[in-house]
Amino acid sequence: EILGALDPRSTFTLPAFEEDTTIAGPATLHVNASTTAPD
């Protein structure tokens, strides 16, 4: 509940890193999706 309205969120969690790992530089999420609305 955020500001009186429900805000549904999808979360995607990867398995735990087995060793220290650094990400650096651009990060991008690619999503294939459809919506029932025009935007």
PDB file of all heavy atoms in Angstrom:
ATOM      1  N   GLU A   1       0.849  -1.170   0.000  1.00  0.00           N
ATOM      2  CA  GLU A   1       0.000   0.000   0.000  1.00  0.00           C
ATOM      3  C   GLU A   1       0.891   1.228   0.000  1.00  0.00           C
ATOM      4  O   GLU A   1       1.702   1.419   0.907  1.00  0.00           O
ATOM      5  CB  GLU A   1      -0.944   0.023   1.203  1.00  0.00           C
ATOM      6  CG  GLU A   1      -1.951   1.135   1.071  1.00  0.00           C
ATOM      7  CD  GLU A   1      -3.096   1.017   2.039  1.00  0.00           C
ATOM      8  OE1 GLU A   1      -3.561  -0.097   2.281  1.00  0.00           O
ATOM      9  OE2 GLU A   1      -3.508   2.064   2.538  1.00  0.00           O
ATOM     10  N   ILE A   2       0.788   2.023  -1.047  1.00  0.00           N
ATOM     11  CA  ILE A   2       1.587   3.233  -1.176  1.00  0.00           C
ATOM     12  C   ILE A   2       0.639   4.385  -1.462  1.00  0.00           C
ATOM     13  O   ILE A   2      -0.104   4.368  -2.444  1.00  0.00           O
ATOM     14  CB  ILE A   2       2.623   3.102  -2.315  1.00  0.00           C
ATOM     15  CG1 ILE A   2       3.584   1.954  -1.996  1.00  0.00           C
ATOM     16  CG2 ILE A   2       3.364   4.403  -2.516  1.00  0.00           C
ATOM     17  CD1 ILE A   2       4.590   1.690  -3.061  1.00  0.00           C
ATOM     18  N   LEU A   3       0.651   5.370  -0.587  1.00  0.00           N
ATOM     19  CA  LEU A   3      -0.227   6.543  -0.710  1.00  0.00           C
ATOM     20  C   LEU A   3      -1.687   6.129  -0.871  1.00  0.00           C
ATOM     21  O   LEU A   3      -2.419   6.693  -1.678  1.00  0.00           O
ATOM     22  CB  LEU A   3       0.213   7.440  -1.869  1.00  0.00           C
ATOM     23  CG  LEU A   3       1.620   8.025  -1.747  1.00  0.00           C
ATOM     24  CD1 LEU A   3       1.948   8.867  -2.965  1.00  0.00           C
ATOM     25  CD2 LEU A   3       1.758   8.861  -0.487  1.00  0.00           C
ATOM     26  N   GLY A   4      -2.117   5.093  -0.136  1.00  0.00           N
ATOM     27  CA  GLY A   4      -3.513   4.697  -0.138  1.00  0.00           C
ATOM     28  C   GLY A   4      -3.938   3.818  -1.292  1.00  0.00           C
ATOM     29  O   GLY A   4      -5.101   3.492  -1.424  1.00  0.00           O
ATOM     30  N   ALA A   5      -3.021   3.432  -2.172  1.00  0.00           N
ATOM     31  CA  ALA A   5      -3.386   2.593  -3.318  1.00  0.00           C
ATOM     32  C   ALA A   5      -2.484   1.370  -3.356  1.00  0.00           C
ATOM     33  O   ALA A   5      -1.336   1.423  -2.929  1.00  0.00           O
ATOM     34  CB  ALA A   5      -3.240   3.379  -4.615  1.00  0.00           C
ATOM     35  N   LEU A   6      -3.000   0.266  -3.865  1.00  0.00           N
ATOM     36  CA  LEU A   6      -2.177  -0.924  -4.010  1.00  0.00           C
ATOM     37  C   LEU A   6      -1.236  -0.768  -5.187  1.00  0.00           C
ATOM     38  O   LEU A   6      -1.624  -0.284  -6.251  1.00  0.00           O
ATOM     39  CB  LEU A   6      -3.055  -2.162  -4.201  1.00  0.00           C
ATOM     40  CG  LEU A   6      -3.723  -2.686  -2.940  1.00  0.00           C
ATOM     41  CD1 LEU A   6      -4.576  -3.903  -3.285  1.00  0.00           C
ATOM     42  CD2 LEU A   6      -2.719  -3.060  -1.877  1.00  0.00           C
ATOM     43  N   ASP A   7      -0.011  -1.151  -5.006  1.00  0.00           N
ATOM     44  CA  ASP A   7       1.017  -1.038  -6.045  1.00  0.00           C
ATOM     45  C   ASP A   7       1.610  -2.427  -6.250  1.00  0.00           C
ATOM     46  O   ASP A   7       2.539  -2.801  -5.545  1.00  0.00           O
ATOM     47  CB  ASP A   7       2.089  -0.039  -5.600  1.00  0.00           C
ATOM     48  CG  ASP A   7       3.208   0.081  -6.617  1.00  0.00           C
ATOM     49  OD1 ASP A   7       2.944  -0.106  -7.822  1.00  0.00           O
ATOM     50  OD2 ASP A   7       4.338   0.346  -6.205  1.00  0.00           O
ATOM     51  N   PRO A   8       1.073  -3.212  -7.186  1.00  0.00           N
ATOM     52  CA  PRO A   8       1.620  -4.551  -7.382  1.00  0.00           C
ATOM     53  C   PRO A   8       2.983  -4.496  -8.055  1.00  0.00           C
ATOM     54  O   PRO A   8       3.212  -3.704  -8.962  1.00  0.00           O
ATOM     55  CB  PRO A   8       0.591  -5.227  -8.280  1.00  0.00           C
ATOM     56  CG  PRO A   8      -0.101  -4.118  -8.978  1.00  0.00           C
ATOM     57  CD  PRO A   8      -0.028  -2.920  -8.070  1.00  0.00           C
ATOM     58  N   ARG A   9       3.889  -5.332  -7.583  1.00  0.00           N
ATOM     59  CA  ARG A   9       5.235  -5.387  -8.124  1.00  0.00           C
ATOM     60  C   ARG A   9       5.592  -6.841  -8.363  1.00  0.00           C
ATOM     61  O   ARG A   9       5.274  -7.698  -7.566  1.00  0.00           O
ATOM     62  CB  ARG A   9       6.247  -4.781  -7.149  1.00  0.00           C
ATOM     63  CG  ARG A   9       6.010  -3.321  -6.894  1.00  0.00           C
ATOM     64  CD  ARG A   9       6.849  -2.819  -5.729  1.00  0.00           C
ATOM     65  NE  ARG A   9       6.494  -1.447  -5.478  1.00  0.00           N
ATOM     66  CZ  ARG A   9       7.333  -0.439  -5.601  1.00  0.00           C
ATOM     67  NH1 ARG A   9       8.576  -0.643  -5.940  1.00  0.00           N
ATOM     68  NH2 ARG A   9       6.937   0.777  -5.380  1.00  0.00           N
ATOM     69  N   SER A  10       6.270  -7.079  -9.458  1.00  0.00           N
ATOM     70  CA  SER A  10       6.827  -8.410  -9.703  1.00  0.00           C
ATOM     71  C   SER A  10       8.297  -8.353  -9.354  1.00  0.00           C
ATOM     72  O   SER A  10       8.982  -7.391  -9.689  1.00  0.00           O
ATOM     73  CB  SER A  10       6.685  -8.803 -11.177  1.00  0.00           C
ATOM     74  OG  SER A  10       5.331  -8.998 -11.490  1.00  0.00           O
ATOM     75  N   THR A  11       8.777  -9.378  -8.670  1.00  0.00           N
ATOM     76  CA  THR A  11      10.192  -9.432  -8.341  1.00  0.00           C
ATOM     77  C   THR A  11      10.783 -10.714  -8.890  1.00  0.00           C
ATOM     78  O   THR A  11      10.135 -11.761  -8.915  1.00  0.00           O
ATOM     79  CB  THR A  11      10.446  -9.370  -6.818  1.00  0.00           C
ATOM     80  OG1 THR A  11       9.816 -10.482  -6.211  1.00  0.00           O
ATOM     81  CG2 THR A  11       9.927  -8.086  -6.225  1.00  0.00           C
ATOM     82  N   PHE A  12      12.022 -10.595  -9.368  1.00  0.00           N
ATOM     83  CA  PHE A  12      12.763 -11.720  -9.924  1.00  0.00           C
ATOM     84  C   PHE A  12      14.099 -11.763  -9.186  1.00  0.00           C
ATOM     85  O   PHE A  12      14.862 -10.802  -9.249  1.00  0.00           O
ATOM     86  CB  PHE A  12      12.983 -11.525 -11.424  1.00  0.00           C
ATOM     87  CG  PHE A  12      11.702 -11.296 -12.179  1.00  0.00           C
ATOM     88  CD1 PHE A  12      11.214 -10.014 -12.376  1.00  0.00           C
ATOM     89  CD2 PHE A  12      10.972 -12.370 -12.658  1.00  0.00           C
ATOM     90  CE1 PHE A  12      10.024  -9.800 -13.058  1.00  0.00           C
ATOM     91  CE2 PHE A  12       9.782 -12.168 -13.344  1.00  0.00           C
ATOM     92  CZ  PHE A  12       9.307 -10.890 -13.539  1.00  0.00           C
ATOM     93  N   THR A  13      14.349 -12.836  -8.488  1.00  0.00           N
ATOM     94  CA  THR A  13      15.534 -12.944  -7.648  1.00  0.00           C
ATOM     95  C   THR A  13      16.429 -14.073  -8.138  1.00  0.00           C
ATOM     96  O   THR A  13      15.968 -15.210  -8.284  1.00  0.00           O
ATOM     97  CB  THR A  13      15.140 -13.189  -6.180  1.00  0.00           C
ATOM     98  OG1 THR A  13      14.225 -12.158  -5.775  1.00  0.00           O
ATOM     99  CG2 THR A  13      16.351 -13.175  -5.277  1.00  0.00           C
ATOM    100  N   LEU A  14      17.685 -13.740  -8.386  1.00  0.00           N
ATOM    101  CA  LEU A  14      18.660 -14.748  -8.813  1.00  0.00           C
ATOM    102  C   LEU A  14      19.213 -15.487  -7.597  1.00  0.00           C
ATOM    103  O   LEU A  14      19.156 -14.984  -6.478  1.00  0.00           O
ATOM    104  CB  LEU A  14      19.805 -14.072  -9.565  1.00  0.00           C
ATOM    105  CG  LEU A  14      19.394 -13.566 -10.942  1.00  0.00           C
ATOM    106  CD1 LEU A  14      19.874 -12.159 -11.162  1.00  0.00           C
ATOM    107  CD2 LEU A  14      19.952 -14.493 -11.982  1.00  0.00           C
ATOM    108  N   PRO A  15      19.772 -16.662  -7.807  1.00  0.00           N
ATOM    109  CA  PRO A  15      20.405 -17.375  -6.694  1.00  0.00           C
ATOM    110  C   PRO A  15      21.553 -16.553  -6.114  1.00  0.00           C
ATOM    111  O   PRO A  15      22.129 -15.691  -6.777  1.00  0.00           O
ATOM    112  CB  PRO A  15      20.932 -18.660  -7.343  1.00  0.00           C
ATOM    113  CG  PRO A  15      20.175 -18.806  -8.618  1.00  0.00           C
ATOM    114  CD  PRO A  15      19.821 -17.417  -9.058  1.00  0.00           C
ATOM    115  N   ALA A  16      21.911 -16.858  -4.882  1.00  0.00           N
ATOM    116  CA  ALA A  16      22.987 -16.139  -4.201  1.00  0.00           C
ATOM    117  C   ALA A  16      24.312 -16.325  -4.944  1.00  0.00           C
ATOM    118  O   ALA A  16      24.589 -17.404  -5.484  1.00  0.00           O
ATOM    119  CB  ALA A  16      23.120 -16.636  -2.763  1.00  0.00           C
ATOM    120  N   PHE A  17      25.110 -15.261  -4.948  1.00  0.00           N
ATOM    121  CA  PHE A  17      26.444 -15.342  -5.536  1.00  0.00           C
ATOM    122  C   PHE A  17      27.302 -16.261  -4.673  1.00  0.00           C
ATOM    123  O   PHE A  17      27.275 -16.175  -3.443  1.00  0.00           O
ATOM    124  CB  PHE A  17      27.089 -13.950  -5.622  1.00  0.00           C
ATOM    125  CG  PHE A  17      26.483 -13.073  -6.672  1.00  0.00           C
ATOM    126  CD1 PHE A  17      25.521 -12.126  -6.348  1.00  0.00           C
ATOM    127  CD2 PHE A  17      26.879 -13.180  -7.997  1.00  0.00           C
ATOM    128  CE1 PHE A  17      24.959 -11.317  -7.319  1.00  0.00           C
ATOM    129  CE2 PHE A  17      26.329 -12.372  -8.981  1.00  0.00           C
ATOM    130  CZ  PHE A  17      25.363 -11.440  -8.640  1.00  0.00           C
ATOM    131  N   GLU A  18      28.069 -17.111  -5.316  1.00  0.00           N
ATOM    132  CA  GLU A  18      28.943 -18.035  -4.595  1.00  0.00           C
ATOM    133  C   GLU A  18      30.265 -17.379  -4.208  1.00  0.00           C
ATOM    134  O   GLU A  18      30.938 -17.835  -3.301  1.00  0.00           O
ATOM    135  CB  GLU A  18      29.193 -19.286  -5.431  1.00  0.00           C
ATOM    136  CG  GLU A  18      27.934 -20.106  -5.624  1.00  0.00           C
ATOM    137  CD  GLU A  18      28.157 -21.338  -6.478  1.00  0.00           C
ATOM    138  OE1 GLU A  18      29.317 -21.654  -6.817  1.00  0.00           O
ATOM    139  OE2 GLU A  18      27.146 -21.992  -6.801  1.00  0.00           O
ATOM    140  N   GLU A  19      30.633 -16.329  -4.934  1.00  0.00           N
ATOM    141  CA  GLU A  19      31.862 -15.587  -4.630  1.00  0.00           C
ATOM    142  C   GLU A  19      31.585 -14.114  -4.849  1.00  0.00           C
ATOM    143  O   GLU A  19      30.602 -13.735  -5.493  1.00  0.00           O
ATOM    144  CB  GLU A  19      33.018 -16.062  -5.506  1.00  0.00           C
ATOM    145  CG  GLU A  19      32.767 -15.911  -6.997  1.00  0.00           C
ATOM    146  CD  GLU A  19      33.881 -16.501  -7.846  1.00  0.00           C
ATOM    147  OE1 GLU A  19      34.555 -17.444  -7.397  1.00  0.00           O
ATOM    148  OE2 GLU A  19      34.079 -16.000  -8.964  1.00  0.00           O
ATOM    149  N   ASP A  20      32.451 -13.260  -4.305  1.00  0.00           N
ATOM    150  CA  ASP A  20      32.289 -11.823  -4.517  1.00  0.00           C
ATOM    151  C   ASP A  20      32.273 -11.544  -6.021  1.00  0.00           C
ATOM    152  O   ASP A  20      33.093 -12.076  -6.768  1.00  0.00           O
ATOM    153  CB  ASP A  20      33.429 -11.050  -3.863  1.00  0.00           C
ATOM    154  CG  ASP A  20      33.358 -11.074  -2.343  1.00  0.00           C
ATOM    155  OD1 ASP A  20      32.432 -11.707  -1.788  1.00  0.00           O
ATOM    156  OD2 ASP A  20      34.222 -10.458  -1.711  1.00  0.00           O
ATOM    157  N   THR A  21      31.316 -10.734  -6.450  1.00  0.00           N
ATOM    158  CA  THR A  21      31.115 -10.444  -7.869  1.00  0.00           C
ATOM    159  C   THR A  21      30.826  -8.958  -8.030  1.00  0.00           C
ATOM    160  O   THR A  21      30.008  -8.405  -7.299  1.00  0.00           O
ATOM    161  CB  THR A  21      29.943 -11.264  -8.436  1.00  0.00           C
ATOM    162  OG1 THR A  21      30.189 -12.650  -8.203  1.00  0.00           O
ATOM    163  CG2 THR A  21      29.740 -11.013  -9.920  1.00  0.00           C
ATOM    164  N   THR A  22      31.480  -8.330  -9.000  1.00  0.00           N
ATOM    165  CA  THR A  22      31.268  -6.909  -9.253  1.00  0.00           C
ATOM    166  C   THR A  22      30.558  -6.718 -10.586  1.00  0.00           C
ATOM    167  O   THR A  22      30.950  -7.293 -11.594  1.00  0.00           O
ATOM    168  CB  THR A  22      32.615  -6.154  -9.278  1.00  0.00           C
ATOM    169  OG1 THR A  22      33.263  -6.354  -8.019  1.00  0.00           O
ATOM    170  CG2 THR A  22      32.423  -4.669  -9.517  1.00  0.00           C
ATOM    171  N   ILE A  23      29.501  -5.903 -10.546  1.00  0.00           N
ATOM    172  CA  ILE A  23      28.882  -5.459 -11.794  1.00  0.00           C
ATOM    173  C   ILE A  23      29.245  -3.987 -11.942  1.00  0.00           C
ATOM    174  O   ILE A  23      29.229  -3.228 -10.979  1.00  0.00           O
ATOM    175  CB  ILE A  23      27.359  -5.695 -11.846  1.00  0.00           C
ATOM    176  CG1 ILE A  23      26.624  -4.952 -10.744  1.00  0.00           C
ATOM    177  CG2 ILE A  23      27.045  -7.177 -11.783  1.00  0.00           C
ATOM    178  CD1 ILE A  23      25.111  -4.997 -10.895  1.00  0.00           C
ATOM    179  N   ALA A  24      29.623  -3.607 -13.150  1.00  0.00           N
ATOM    180  CA  ALA A  24      30.038  -2.225 -13.400  1.00  0.00           C
ATOM    181  C   ALA A  24      29.713  -1.884 -14.840  1.00  0.00           C
ATOM    182  O   ALA A  24      29.970  -2.673 -15.740  1.00  0.00           O
ATOM    183  CB  ALA A  24      31.518  -2.055 -13.125  1.00  0.00           C
ATOM    184  N   GLY A  25      29.140  -0.715 -15.044  1.00  0.00           N
ATOM    185  CA  GLY A  25      28.767  -0.308 -16.395  1.00  0.00           C
ATOM    186  C   GLY A  25      27.265  -0.368 -16.573  1.00  0.00           C
ATOM    187  O   GLY A  25      26.511  -0.410 -15.602  1.00  0.00           O
ATOM    188  N   PRO A  26      26.812  -0.401 -17.809  1.00  0.00           N
ATOM    189  CA  PRO A  26      25.375  -0.362 -18.059  1.00  0.00           C
ATOM    190  C   PRO A  26      24.680  -1.654 -17.615  1.00  0.00           C
ATOM    191  O   PRO A  26      25.236  -2.739 -17.724  1.00  0.00           O
ATOM    192  CB  PRO A  26      25.275  -0.185 -19.575  1.00  0.00           C
ATOM    193  CG  PRO A  26      26.565  -0.692 -20.109  1.00  0.00           C
ATOM    194  CD  PRO A  26      27.589  -0.441 -19.046  1.00  0.00           C
ATOM    195  N   ALA A  27      23.470  -1.477 -17.093  1.00  0.00           N
ATOM    196  CA  ALA A  27      22.605  -2.614 -16.757  1.00  0.00           C
ATOM    197  C   ALA A  27      21.278  -2.380 -17.465  1.00  0.00           C
ATOM    198  O   ALA A  27      20.744  -1.264 -17.472  1.00  0.00           O
ATOM    199  CB  ALA A  27      22.398  -2.726 -15.259  1.00  0.00           C
ATOM    200  N   THR A  28      20.755  -3.428 -18.072  1.00  0.00           N
ATOM    201  CA  THR A  28      19.544  -3.318 -18.878  1.00  0.00           C
ATOM    202  C   THR A  28      18.598  -4.456 -18.542  1.00  0.00           C
ATOM    203  O   THR A  28      19.034  -5.587 -18.352  1.00  0.00           O
ATOM    204  CB  THR A  28      19.901  -3.394 -20.378  1.00  0.00           C
ATOM    205  OG1 THR A  28      20.898  -2.409 -20.659  1.00  0.00           O
ATOM    206  CG2 THR A  28      18.698  -3.133 -21.254  1.00  0.00           C
ATOM    207  N   LEU A  29      17.311  -4.145 -18.473  1.00  0.00           N
ATOM    208  CA  LEU A  29      16.287  -5.164 -18.310  1.00  0.00           C
ATOM    209  C   LEU A  29      15.540  -5.286 -19.633  1.00  0.00           C
ATOM    210  O   LEU A  29      15.045  -4.292 -20.165  1.00  0.00           O
ATOM    211  CB  LEU A  29      15.316  -4.803 -17.188  1.00  0.00           C
ATOM    212  CG  LEU A  29      14.154  -5.764 -16.987  1.00  0.00           C
ATOM    213  CD1 LEU A  29      14.652  -7.148 -16.562  1.00  0.00           C
ATOM    214  CD2 LEU A  29      13.177  -5.220 -15.965  1.00  0.00           C
ATOM    215  N   HIS A  30      15.499  -6.495 -20.158  1.00  0.00           N
ATOM    216  CA  HIS A  30      14.741  -6.783 -21.376  1.00  0.00           C
ATOM    217  C   HIS A  30      13.478  -7.516 -20.962  1.00  0.00           C
ATOM    218  O   HIS A  30      13.556  -8.510 -20.234  1.00  0.00           O
ATOM    219  CB  HIS A  30      15.570  -7.651 -22.329  1.00  0.00           C
ATOM    220  CG  HIS A  30      16.866  -7.015 -22.723  1.00  0.00           C
ATOM    221  ND1 HIS A  30      16.971  -6.165 -23.800  1.00  0.00           N
ATOM    222  CD2 HIS A  30      18.099  -7.079 -22.169  1.00  0.00           C
ATOM    223  CE1 HIS A  30      18.221  -5.746 -23.892  1.00  0.00           C
ATOM    224  NE2 HIS A  30      18.924  -6.290 -22.911  1.00  0.00           N
ATOM    225  N   VAL A  31      12.343  -7.026 -21.410  1.00  0.00           N
ATOM    226  CA  VAL A  31      11.061  -7.610 -21.015  1.00  0.00           C
ATOM    227  C   VAL A  31      10.213  -7.839 -22.258  1.00  0.00           C
ATOM    228  O   VAL A  31      10.041  -6.931 -23.071  1.00  0.00           O
ATOM    229  CB  VAL A  31      10.295  -6.685 -20.039  1.00  0.00           C
ATOM    230  CG1 VAL A  31       8.935  -7.256 -19.697  1.00  0.00           C
ATOM    231  CG2 VAL A  31      11.099  -6.426 -18.786  1.00  0.00           C
ATOM    232  N   ASN A  32       9.706  -9.046 -22.390  1.00  0.00           N
ATOM    233  CA  ASN A  32       8.699  -9.328 -23.412  1.00  0.00           C
ATOM    234  C   ASN A  32       7.378  -9.379 -22.673  1.00  0.00           C
ATOM    235  O   ASN A  32       7.198 -10.198 -21.763  1.00  0.00           O
ATOM    236  CB  ASN A  32       8.983 -10.642 -24.134  1.00  0.00           C
ATOM    237  CG  ASN A  32       7.946 -10.898 -25.210  1.00  0.00           C
ATOM    238  OD1 ASN A  32       6.883 -11.422 -24.935  1.00  0.00           O
ATOM    239  ND2 ASN A  32       8.262 -10.513 -26.429  1.00  0.00           N
ATOM    240  N   ALA A  33       6.472  -8.474 -23.025  1.00  0.00           N
ATOM    241  CA  ALA A  33       5.227  -8.357 -22.270  1.00  0.00           C
ATOM    242  C   ALA A  33       4.094  -7.875 -23.165  1.00  0.00           C
ATOM    243  O   ALA A  33       4.314  -7.304 -24.231  1.00  0.00           O
ATOM    244  CB  ALA A  33       5.406  -7.386 -21.105  1.00  0.00           C
ATOM    245  N   SER A  34       2.890  -8.115 -22.686  1.00  0.00           N
ATOM    246  CA  SER A  34       1.703  -7.567 -23.330  1.00  0.00           C
ATOM    247  C   SER A  34       0.879  -6.867 -22.261  1.00  0.00           C
ATOM    248  O   SER A  34       1.033  -7.123 -21.067  1.00  0.00           O
ATOM    249  CB  SER A  34       0.888  -8.680 -24.001  1.00  0.00           C
ATOM    250  OG  SER A  34       0.490  -9.643 -23.045  1.00  0.00           O
ATOM    251  N   THR A  35       0.024  -5.964 -22.698  1.00  0.00           N
ATOM    252  CA  THR A  35      -0.848  -5.246 -21.775  1.00  0.00           C
ATOM    253  C   THR A  35      -2.241  -5.168 -22.366  1.00  0.00           C
ATOM    254  O   THR A  35      -2.403  -5.140 -23.597  1.00  0.00           O
ATOM    255  CB  THR A  35      -0.305  -3.839 -21.459  1.00  0.00           C
ATOM    256  OG1 THR A  35      -1.225  -3.163 -20.593  1.00  0.00           O
ATOM    257  CG2 THR A  35      -0.104  -3.010 -22.712  1.00  0.00           C
ATOM    258  N   THR A  36      -3.237  -5.137 -21.507  1.00  0.00           N
ATOM    259  CA  THR A  36      -4.619  -5.016 -21.983  1.00  0.00           C
ATOM    260  C   THR A  36      -4.970  -3.559 -22.294  1.00  0.00           C
ATOM    261  O   THR A  36      -6.020  -3.291 -22.869  1.00  0.00           O
ATOM    262  CB  THR A  36      -5.600  -5.566 -20.932  1.00  0.00           C
ATOM    263  OG1 THR A  36      -5.422  -4.845 -19.701  1.00  0.00           O
ATOM    264  CG2 THR A  36      -5.387  -7.056 -20.706  1.00  0.00           C
ATOM    265  N   ALA A  37      -4.089  -2.634 -21.935  1.00  0.00           N
ATOM    266  CA  ALA A  37      -4.326  -1.207 -22.146  1.00  0.00           C
ATOM    267  C   ALA A  37      -3.540  -0.714 -23.360  1.00  0.00           C
ATOM    268  O   ALA A  37      -2.587  -1.358 -23.798  1.00  0.00           O
ATOM    269  CB  ALA A  37      -3.894  -0.427 -20.913  1.00  0.00           C
ATOM    270  N   PRO A  38      -3.888   0.460 -23.894  1.00  0.00           N
ATOM    271  CA  PRO A  38      -3.167   1.006 -25.048  1.00  0.00           C
ATOM    272  C   PRO A  38      -1.818   1.636 -24.692  1.00  0.00           C
ATOM    273  O   PRO A  38      -1.096   2.073 -25.576  1.00  0.00           O
ATOM    274  CB  PRO A  38      -4.132   2.049 -25.611  1.00  0.00           C
ATOM    275  CG  PRO A  38      -4.975   2.451 -24.459  1.00  0.00           C
ATOM    276  CD  PRO A  38      -5.089   1.241 -23.582  1.00  0.00           C
ATOM    277  N   ASP A  39      -1.478   1.673 -23.410  1.00  0.00           N
ATOM    278  CA  ASP A  39      -0.182   2.189 -22.977  1.00  0.00           C
ATOM    279  C   ASP A  39       0.026   1.767 -21.528  1.00  0.00           C
ATOM    280  O   ASP A  39      -0.923   1.449 -20.813  1.00  0.00           O
ATOM    281  CB  ASP A  39      -0.129   3.714 -23.090  1.00  0.00           C
ATOM    282  CG  ASP A  39       1.296   4.275 -23.060  1.00  0.00           C
ATOM    283  OD1 ASP A  39       2.248   3.481 -23.183  1.00  0.00           O
ATOM    284  OD2 ASP A  39       1.436   5.501 -22.927  1.00  0.00           O
TER     285      ASP A  39
END
